[in-house]
Amino acid sequence: MDSDVITKRLQDIFQDVMDVEVELSPELSAKDIAEWDSLAHVRLIVTIERAFKVKFAAAEVSALKNVGDLVALIERHASPR
């Protein structure tokens, strides 16, 4: 799956989960969005797993630093093995 396609889908998910207009960039992180607290993070990850039909390990989620890391993680899980 292409990173641009992933980012577009993530854009919609972020807006739905956090109810905020935000322009995603690879460098964007939780510290950049006031609404991105721990509860929103859990809701975001669950929504992403459902939308992309993937399952992340807790260690993978805790290692995420920004949206770029999230896109790369989705690419790894969504690509055929």
PDB file of N, CA and C in Angstrom:
ATOM      1  N   MET A   1       0.854  -1.177   0.000  1.00  0.00           N
ATOM      2  CA  MET A   1       0.000   0.000   0.000  1.00  0.00           C
ATOM      3  C   MET A   1       0.901   1.242   0.000  1.00  0.00           C
ATOM      4  N   ASP A   2       0.568   2.198  -0.815  1.00  0.00           N
ATOM      5  CA  ASP A   2       1.338   3.422  -1.002  1.00  0.00           C
ATOM      6  C   ASP A   2       1.207   4.358   0.204  1.00  0.00           C
ATOM      7  N   SER A   3       2.296   5.022   0.583  1.00  0.00           N
ATOM      8  CA  SER A   3       2.270   5.915   1.752  1.00  0.00           C
ATOM      9  C   SER A   3       1.319   7.091   1.562  1.00  0.00           C
ATOM     10  N   ASP A   4       1.134   7.558   0.334  1.00  0.00           N
ATOM     11  CA  ASP A   4       0.189   8.653   0.090  1.00  0.00           C
ATOM     12  C   ASP A   4      -1.254   8.207   0.340  1.00  0.00           C
ATOM     13  N   VAL A   5      -1.567   6.986  -0.057  1.00  0.00           N
ATOM     14  CA  VAL A   5      -2.907   6.436   0.177  1.00  0.00           C
ATOM     15  C   VAL A   5      -3.135   6.258   1.677  1.00  0.00           C
ATOM     16  N   ILE A   6      -2.132   5.738   2.360  1.00  0.00           N
ATOM     17  CA  ILE A   6      -2.222   5.554   3.812  1.00  0.00           C
ATOM     18  C   ILE A   6      -2.434   6.895   4.498  1.00  0.00           C
ATOM     19  N   THR A   7      -1.647   7.894   4.121  1.00  0.00           N
ATOM     20  CA  THR A   7      -1.745   9.217   4.744  1.00  0.00           C
ATOM     21  C   THR A   7      -3.123   9.822   4.527  1.00  0.00           C
ATOM     22  N   LYS A   8      -3.686   9.668   3.335  1.00  0.00           N
ATOM     23  CA  LYS A   8      -5.026  10.200   3.051  1.00  0.00           C
ATOM     24  C   LYS A   8      -6.066   9.537   3.951  1.00  0.00           C
ATOM     25  N   ARG A   9      -5.988   8.222   4.083  1.00  0.00           N
ATOM     26  CA  ARG A   9      -6.933   7.515   4.961  1.00  0.00           C
ATOM     27  C   ARG A   9      -6.725   7.927   6.414  1.00  0.00           C
ATOM     28  N   LEU A  10      -5.462   8.092   6.810  1.00  0.00           N
ATOM     29  CA  LEU A  10      -5.174   8.525   8.181  1.00  0.00           C
ATOM     30  C   LEU A  10      -5.730   9.917   8.446  1.00  0.00           C
ATOM     31  N   GLN A  11      -5.666  10.781   7.466  1.00  0.00           N
ATOM     32  CA  GLN A  11      -6.195  12.144   7.600  1.00  0.00           C
ATOM     33  C   GLN A  11      -7.659  12.086   8.025  1.00  0.00           C
ATOM     34  N   ASP A  12      -8.433  11.258   7.346  1.00  0.00           N
ATOM     35  CA  ASP A  12      -9.852  11.106   7.674  1.00  0.00           C
ATOM     36  C   ASP A  12     -10.036  10.501   9.066  1.00  0.00           C
ATOM     37  N   ILE A  13      -9.229   9.510   9.402  1.00  0.00           N
ATOM     38  CA  ILE A  13      -9.333   8.861  10.712  1.00  0.00           C
ATOM     39  C   ILE A  13      -9.004   9.845  11.824  1.00  0.00           C
ATOM     40  N   PHE A  14      -7.942  10.613  11.662  1.00  0.00           N
ATOM     41  CA  PHE A  14      -7.570  11.606  12.672  1.00  0.00           C
ATOM     42  C   PHE A  14      -8.701  12.601  12.892  1.00  0.00           C
ATOM     43  N   GLN A  15      -9.307  13.070  11.812  1.00  0.00           N
ATOM     44  CA  GLN A  15     -10.393  14.042  11.934  1.00  0.00           C
ATOM     45  C   GLN A  15     -11.603  13.435  12.626  1.00  0.00           C
ATOM     46  N   ASP A  16     -11.908  12.179  12.324  1.00  0.00           N
ATOM     47  CA  ASP A  16     -13.049  11.518  12.960  1.00  0.00           C
ATOM     48  C   ASP A  16     -12.799  11.261  14.442  1.00  0.00           C
ATOM     49  N   VAL A  17     -11.637  10.727  14.772  1.00  0.00           N
ATOM     50  CA  VAL A  17     -11.341  10.344  16.153  1.00  0.00           C
ATOM     51  C   VAL A  17     -11.140  11.564  17.045  1.00  0.00           C
ATOM     52  N   MET A  18     -10.407  12.551  16.545  1.00  0.00           N
ATOM     53  CA  MET A  18     -10.057  13.707  17.380  1.00  0.00           C
ATOM     54  C   MET A  18     -10.968  14.900  17.174  1.00  0.00           C
ATOM     55  N   ASP A  19     -11.823  14.815  16.160  1.00  0.00           N
ATOM     56  CA  ASP A  19     -12.746  15.904  15.866  1.00  0.00           C
ATOM     57  C   ASP A  19     -12.015  17.239  15.730  1.00  0.00           C
ATOM     58  N   VAL A  20     -10.936  17.208  14.939  1.00  0.00           N
ATOM     59  CA  VAL A  20     -10.126  18.402  14.730  1.00  0.00           C
ATOM     60  C   VAL A  20      -9.563  18.373  13.307  1.00  0.00           C
ATOM     61  N   GLU A  21      -9.513  19.537  12.686  1.00  0.00           N
ATOM     62  CA  GLU A  21      -8.895  19.671  11.369  1.00  0.00           C
ATOM     63  C   GLU A  21      -7.384  19.721  11.566  1.00  0.00           C
ATOM     64  N   VAL A  22      -6.685  18.813  10.940  1.00  0.00           N
ATOM     65  CA  VAL A  22      -5.232  18.800  11.048  1.00  0.00           C
ATOM     66  C   VAL A  22      -4.640  18.312   9.732  1.00  0.00           C
ATOM     67  N   GLU A  23      -3.551  18.917   9.333  1.00  0.00           N
ATOM     68  CA  GLU A  23      -2.844  18.506   8.126  1.00  0.00           C
ATOM     69  C   GLU A  23      -1.723  17.571   8.555  1.00  0.00           C
ATOM     70  N   LEU A  24      -1.836  16.307   8.180  1.00  0.00           N
ATOM     71  CA  LEU A  24      -0.833  15.333   8.594  1.00  0.00           C
ATOM     72  C   LEU A  24       0.461  15.532   7.832  1.00  0.00           C
ATOM     73  N   SER A  25       1.556  15.386   8.556  1.00  0.00           N
ATOM     74  CA  SER A  25       2.889  15.379   7.972  1.00  0.00           C
ATOM     75  C   SER A  25       3.674  14.303   8.702  1.00  0.00           C
ATOM     76  N   PRO A  26       4.747  13.801   8.096  1.00  0.00           N
ATOM     77  CA  PRO A  26       5.514  12.748   8.754  1.00  0.00           C
ATOM     78  C   PRO A  26       6.052  13.139  10.125  1.00  0.00           C
ATOM     79  N   GLU A  27       6.326  14.425  10.333  1.00  0.00           N
ATOM     80  CA  GLU A  27       6.907  14.892  11.590  1.00  0.00           C
ATOM     81  C   GLU A  27       5.863  15.150  12.685  1.00  0.00           C
ATOM     82  N   LEU A  28       4.588  15.186  12.333  1.00  0.00           N
ATOM     83  CA  LEU A  28       3.527  15.498  13.285  1.00  0.00           C
ATOM     84  C   LEU A  28       3.487  14.451  14.391  1.00  0.00           C
ATOM     85  N   SER A  29       3.372  14.914  15.639  1.00  0.00           N
ATOM     86  CA  SER A  29       3.312  13.988  16.773  1.00  0.00           C
ATOM     87  C   SER A  29       2.242  14.450  17.760  1.00  0.00           C
ATOM     88  N   ALA A  30       2.043  13.667  18.796  1.00  0.00           N
ATOM     89  CA  ALA A  30       1.011  13.970  19.796  1.00  0.00           C
ATOM     90  C   ALA A  30       1.228  15.323  20.452  1.00  0.00           C
ATOM     91  N   LYS A  31       2.464  15.740  20.599  1.00  0.00           N
ATOM     92  CA  LYS A  31       2.718  17.031  21.247  1.00  0.00           C
ATOM     93  C   LYS A  31       2.250  18.219  20.393  1.00  0.00           C
ATOM     94  N   ASP A  32       1.964  17.972  19.110  1.00  0.00           N
ATOM     95  CA  ASP A  32       1.529  19.033  18.203  1.00  0.00           C
ATOM     96  C   ASP A  32       0.010  19.232  18.184  1.00  0.00           C
ATOM     97  N   ILE A  33      -0.741  18.283  18.757  1.00  0.00           N
ATOM     98  CA  ILE A  33      -2.202  18.340  18.732  1.00  0.00           C
ATOM     99  C   ILE A  33      -2.721  18.203  20.157  1.00  0.00           C
ATOM    100  N   ALA A  34      -3.340  19.240  20.665  1.00  0.00           N
ATOM    101  CA  ALA A  34      -3.823  19.240  22.057  1.00  0.00           C
ATOM    102  C   ALA A  34      -4.801  18.101  22.322  1.00  0.00           C
ATOM    103  N   GLU A  35      -5.605  17.750  21.336  1.00  0.00           N
ATOM    104  CA  GLU A  35      -6.616  16.704  21.504  1.00  0.00           C
ATOM    105  C   GLU A  35      -6.033  15.288  21.505  1.00  0.00           C
ATOM    106  N   TRP A  36      -4.756  15.149  21.171  1.00  0.00           N
ATOM    107  CA  TRP A  36      -4.120  13.836  21.060  1.00  0.00           C
ATOM    108  C   TRP A  36      -3.583  13.419  22.432  1.00  0.00           C
ATOM    109  N   ASP A  37      -4.498  13.028  23.304  1.00  0.00           N
ATOM    110  CA  ASP A  37      -4.099  12.560  24.629  1.00  0.00           C
ATOM    111  C   ASP A  37      -4.064  11.026  24.618  1.00  0.00           C
ATOM    112  N   SER A  38      -3.857  10.418  25.777  1.00  0.00           N
ATOM    113  CA  SER A  38      -3.712   8.961  25.832  1.00  0.00           C
ATOM    114  C   SER A  38      -4.978   8.233  25.396  1.00  0.00           C
ATOM    115  N   LEU A  39      -6.134   8.736  25.775  1.00  0.00           N
ATOM    116  CA  LEU A  39      -7.388   8.103  25.370  1.00  0.00           C
ATOM    117  C   LEU A  39      -7.583   8.216  23.856  1.00  0.00           C
ATOM    118  N   ALA A  40      -7.319   9.388  23.315  1.00  0.00           N
ATOM    119  CA  ALA A  40      -7.432   9.574  21.863  1.00  0.00           C
ATOM    120  C   ALA A  40      -6.451   8.666  21.133  1.00  0.00           C
ATOM    121  N   HIS A  41      -5.280   8.456  21.718  1.00  0.00           N
ATOM    122  CA  HIS A  41      -4.272   7.596  21.096  1.00  0.00           C
ATOM    123  C   HIS A  41      -4.788   6.155  20.997  1.00  0.00           C
ATOM    124  N   VAL A  42      -5.382   5.668  22.066  1.00  0.00           N
ATOM    125  CA  VAL A  42      -5.926   4.307  22.058  1.00  0.00           C
ATOM    126  C   VAL A  42      -7.044   4.202  21.018  1.00  0.00           C
ATOM    127  N   ARG A  43      -7.949   5.169  21.009  1.00  0.00           N
ATOM    128  CA  ARG A  43      -9.042   5.174  20.028  1.00  0.00           C
ATOM    129  C   ARG A  43      -8.497   5.243  18.600  1.00  0.00           C
ATOM    130  N   LEU A  44      -7.468   6.028  18.418  1.00  0.00           N
ATOM    131  CA  LEU A  44      -6.843   6.188  17.111  1.00  0.00           C
ATOM    132  C   LEU A  44      -6.250   4.858  16.630  1.00  0.00           C
ATOM    133  N   ILE A  45      -5.488   4.194  17.486  1.00  0.00           N
ATOM    134  CA  ILE A  45      -4.856   2.929  17.108  1.00  0.00           C
ATOM    135  C   ILE A  45      -5.902   1.863  16.794  1.00  0.00           C
ATOM    136  N   VAL A  46      -6.934   1.764  17.627  1.00  0.00           N
ATOM    137  CA  VAL A  46      -7.993   0.772  17.390  1.00  0.00           C
ATOM    138  C   VAL A  46      -8.693   1.056  16.064  1.00  0.00           C
ATOM    139  N   THR A  47      -8.993   2.305  15.796  1.00  0.00           N
ATOM    140  CA  THR A  47      -9.654   2.687  14.544  1.00  0.00           C
ATOM    141  C   THR A  47      -8.765   2.385  13.345  1.00  0.00           C
ATOM    142  N   ILE A  48      -7.481   2.661  13.468  1.00  0.00           N
ATOM    143  CA  ILE A  48      -6.537   2.394  12.380  1.00  0.00           C
ATOM    144  C   ILE A  48      -6.434   0.890  12.124  1.00  0.00           C
ATOM    145  N   GLU A  49      -6.344   0.101  13.191  1.00  0.00           N
ATOM    146  CA  GLU A  49      -6.275  -1.355  13.014  1.00  0.00           C
ATOM    147  C   GLU A  49      -7.499  -1.876  12.274  1.00  0.00           C
ATOM    148  N   ARG A  50      -8.658  -1.363  12.622  1.00  0.00           N
ATOM    149  CA  ARG A  50      -9.886  -1.798  11.943  1.00  0.00           C
ATOM    150  C   ARG A  50      -9.917  -1.334  10.486  1.00  0.00           C
ATOM    151  N   ALA A  51      -9.560  -0.090  10.255  1.00  0.00           N
ATOM    152  CA  ALA A  51      -9.631   0.477   8.903  1.00  0.00           C
ATOM    153  C   ALA A  51      -8.664  -0.211   7.936  1.00  0.00           C
ATOM    154  N   PHE A  52      -7.480  -0.544   8.430  1.00  0.00           N
ATOM    155  CA  PHE A  52      -6.459  -1.148   7.563  1.00  0.00           C
ATOM    156  C   PHE A  52      -6.400  -2.671   7.696  1.00  0.00           C
ATOM    157  N   LYS A  53      -7.262  -3.222   8.576  1.00  0.00           N
ATOM    158  CA  LYS A  53      -7.299  -4.671   8.797  1.00  0.00           C
ATOM    159  C   LYS A  53      -5.919  -5.211   9.169  1.00  0.00           C
ATOM    160  N   VAL A  54      -5.320  -4.548  10.166  1.00  0.00           N
ATOM    161  CA  VAL A  54      -4.011  -4.951  10.693  1.00  0.00           C
ATOM    162  C   VAL A  54      -4.101  -5.032  12.214  1.00  0.00           C
ATOM    163  N   LYS A  55      -3.098  -5.623  12.823  1.00  0.00           N
ATOM    164  CA  LYS A  55      -3.016  -5.703  14.280  1.00  0.00           C
ATOM    165  C   LYS A  55      -1.583  -5.380  14.674  1.00  0.00           C
ATOM    166  N   PHE A  56      -1.436  -4.390  15.558  1.00  0.00           N
ATOM    167  CA  PHE A  56      -0.120  -3.978  16.016  1.00  0.00           C
ATOM    168  C   PHE A  56       0.188  -4.592  17.374  1.00  0.00           C
ATOM    169  N   ALA A  57       1.448  -4.890  17.605  1.00  0.00           N
ATOM    170  CA  ALA A  57       1.903  -5.323  18.924  1.00  0.00           C
ATOM    171  C   ALA A  57       2.050  -4.081  19.801  1.00  0.00           C
ATOM    172  N   ALA A  58       1.882  -4.257  21.087  1.00  0.00           N
ATOM    173  CA  ALA A  58       1.999  -3.137  22.023  1.00  0.00           C
ATOM    174  C   ALA A  58       3.369  -2.460  21.901  1.00  0.00           C
ATOM    175  N   ALA A  59       4.413  -3.240  21.713  1.00  0.00           N
ATOM    176  CA  ALA A  59       5.768  -2.676  21.583  1.00  0.00           C
ATOM    177  C   ALA A  59       5.885  -1.799  20.338  1.00  0.00           C
ATOM    178  N   GLU A  60       5.203  -2.183  19.272  1.00  0.00           N
ATOM    179  CA  GLU A  60       5.236  -1.371  18.051  1.00  0.00           C
ATOM    180  C   GLU A  60       4.555  -0.032  18.290  1.00  0.00           C
ATOM    181  N   VAL A  61       3.428  -0.058  18.948  1.00  0.00           N
ATOM    182  CA  VAL A  61       2.672   1.175  19.210  1.00  0.00           C
ATOM    183  C   VAL A  61       3.457   2.084  20.142  1.00  0.00           C
ATOM    184  N   SER A  62       4.063   1.523  21.164  1.00  0.00           N
ATOM    185  CA  SER A  62       4.794   2.358  22.118  1.00  0.00           C
ATOM    186  C   SER A  62       6.067   2.941  21.508  1.00  0.00           C
ATOM    187  N   ALA A  63       6.570   2.352  20.434  1.00  0.00           N
ATOM    188  CA  ALA A  63       7.777   2.857  19.778  1.00  0.00           C
ATOM    189  C   ALA A  63       7.491   3.992  18.791  1.00  0.00           C
ATOM    190  N   LEU A  64       6.213   4.243  18.475  1.00  0.00           N
ATOM    191  CA  LEU A  64       5.870   5.291  17.514  1.00  0.00           C
ATOM    192  C   LEU A  64       6.236   6.663  18.052  1.00  0.00           C
ATOM    193  N   LYS A  65       6.890   7.457  17.217  1.00  0.00           N
ATOM    194  CA  LYS A  65       7.279   8.819  17.595  1.00  0.00           C
ATOM    195  C   LYS A  65       6.467   9.891  16.870  1.00  0.00           C
ATOM    196  N   ASN A  66       5.986   9.555  15.660  1.00  0.00           N
ATOM    197  CA  ASN A  66       5.281  10.552  14.853  1.00  0.00           C
ATOM    198  C   ASN A  66       4.445   9.858  13.777  1.00  0.00           C
ATOM    199  N   VAL A  67       3.773  10.639  12.972  1.00  0.00           N
ATOM    200  CA  VAL A  67       2.913  10.106  11.916  1.00  0.00           C
ATOM    201  C   VAL A  67       3.727   9.332  10.883  1.00  0.00           C
ATOM    202  N   GLY A  68       4.934   9.768  10.607  1.00  0.00           N
ATOM    203  CA  GLY A  68       5.797   9.049   9.660  1.00  0.00           C
ATOM    204  C   GLY A  68       6.060   7.626  10.120  1.00  0.00           C
ATOM    205  N   ASP A  69       6.323   7.453  11.413  1.00  0.00           N
ATOM    206  CA  ASP A  69       6.517   6.108  11.976  1.00  0.00           C
ATOM    207  C   ASP A  69       5.242   5.283  11.840  1.00  0.00           C
ATOM    208  N   LEU A  70       4.097   5.923  12.072  1.00  0.00           N
ATOM    209  CA  LEU A  70       2.810   5.242  11.970  1.00  0.00           C
ATOM    210  C   LEU A  70       2.553   4.772  10.540  1.00  0.00           C
ATOM    211  N   VAL A  71       2.817   5.620   9.571  1.00  0.00           N
ATOM    212  CA  VAL A  71       2.641   5.256   8.161  1.00  0.00           C
ATOM    213  C   VAL A  71       3.547   4.071   7.814  1.00  0.00           C
ATOM    214  N   ALA A  72       4.804   4.123   8.246  1.00  0.00           N
ATOM    215  CA  ALA A  72       5.745   3.030   7.970  1.00  0.00           C
ATOM    216  C   ALA A  72       5.274   1.725   8.615  1.00  0.00           C
ATOM    217  N   LEU A  73       4.735   1.809   9.818  1.00  0.00           N
ATOM    218  CA  LEU A  73       4.227   0.626  10.505  1.00  0.00           C
ATOM    219  C   LEU A  73       3.040   0.027   9.739  1.00  0.00           C
ATOM    220  N   ILE A  74       2.142   0.873   9.298  1.00  0.00           N
ATOM    221  CA  ILE A  74       0.989   0.394   8.521  1.00  0.00           C
ATOM    222  C   ILE A  74       1.473  -0.243   7.219  1.00  0.00           C
ATOM    223  N   GLU A  75       2.451   0.381   6.550  1.00  0.00           N
ATOM    224  CA  GLU A  75       2.989  -0.186   5.310  1.00  0.00           C
ATOM    225  C   GLU A  75       3.536  -1.584   5.551  1.00  0.00           C
ATOM    226  N   ARG A  76       4.276  -1.766   6.640  1.00  0.00           N
ATOM    227  CA  ARG A  76       4.853  -3.082   6.942  1.00  0.00           C
ATOM    228  C   ARG A  76       3.771  -4.127   7.181  1.00  0.00           C
ATOM    229  N   HIS A  77       2.721  -3.752   7.882  1.00  0.00           N
ATOM    230  CA  HIS A  77       1.663  -4.710   8.205  1.00  0.00           C
ATOM    231  C   HIS A  77       0.697  -4.936   7.041  1.00  0.00           C
ATOM    232  N   ALA A  78       0.511  -3.944   6.205  1.00  0.00           N
ATOM    233  CA  ALA A  78      -0.480  -4.041   5.134  1.00  0.00           C
ATOM    234  C   ALA A  78       0.092  -4.700   3.877  1.00  0.00           C
ATOM    235  N   SER A  79       1.420  -4.771   3.779  1.00  0.00           N
ATOM    236  CA  SER A  79       2.002  -5.357   2.580  1.00  0.00           C
ATOM    237  C   SER A  79       1.902  -6.873   2.640  1.00  0.00           C
ATOM    238  N   PRO A  80       1.723  -7.488   1.479  1.00  0.00           N
ATOM    239  CA  PRO A  80       1.619  -8.955   1.440  1.00  0.00           C
ATOM    240  C   PRO A  80       2.921  -9.586   1.918  1.00  0.00           C
ATOM    241  N   ARG A  81       2.782 -10.670   2.651  1.00  0.00           N
ATOM    242  CA  ARG A  81       3.973 -11.334   3.202  1.00  0.00           C
ATOM    243  C   ARG A  81       4.312 -12.559   2.412  1.00  0.00           C
TER     244      ARG A  81
END
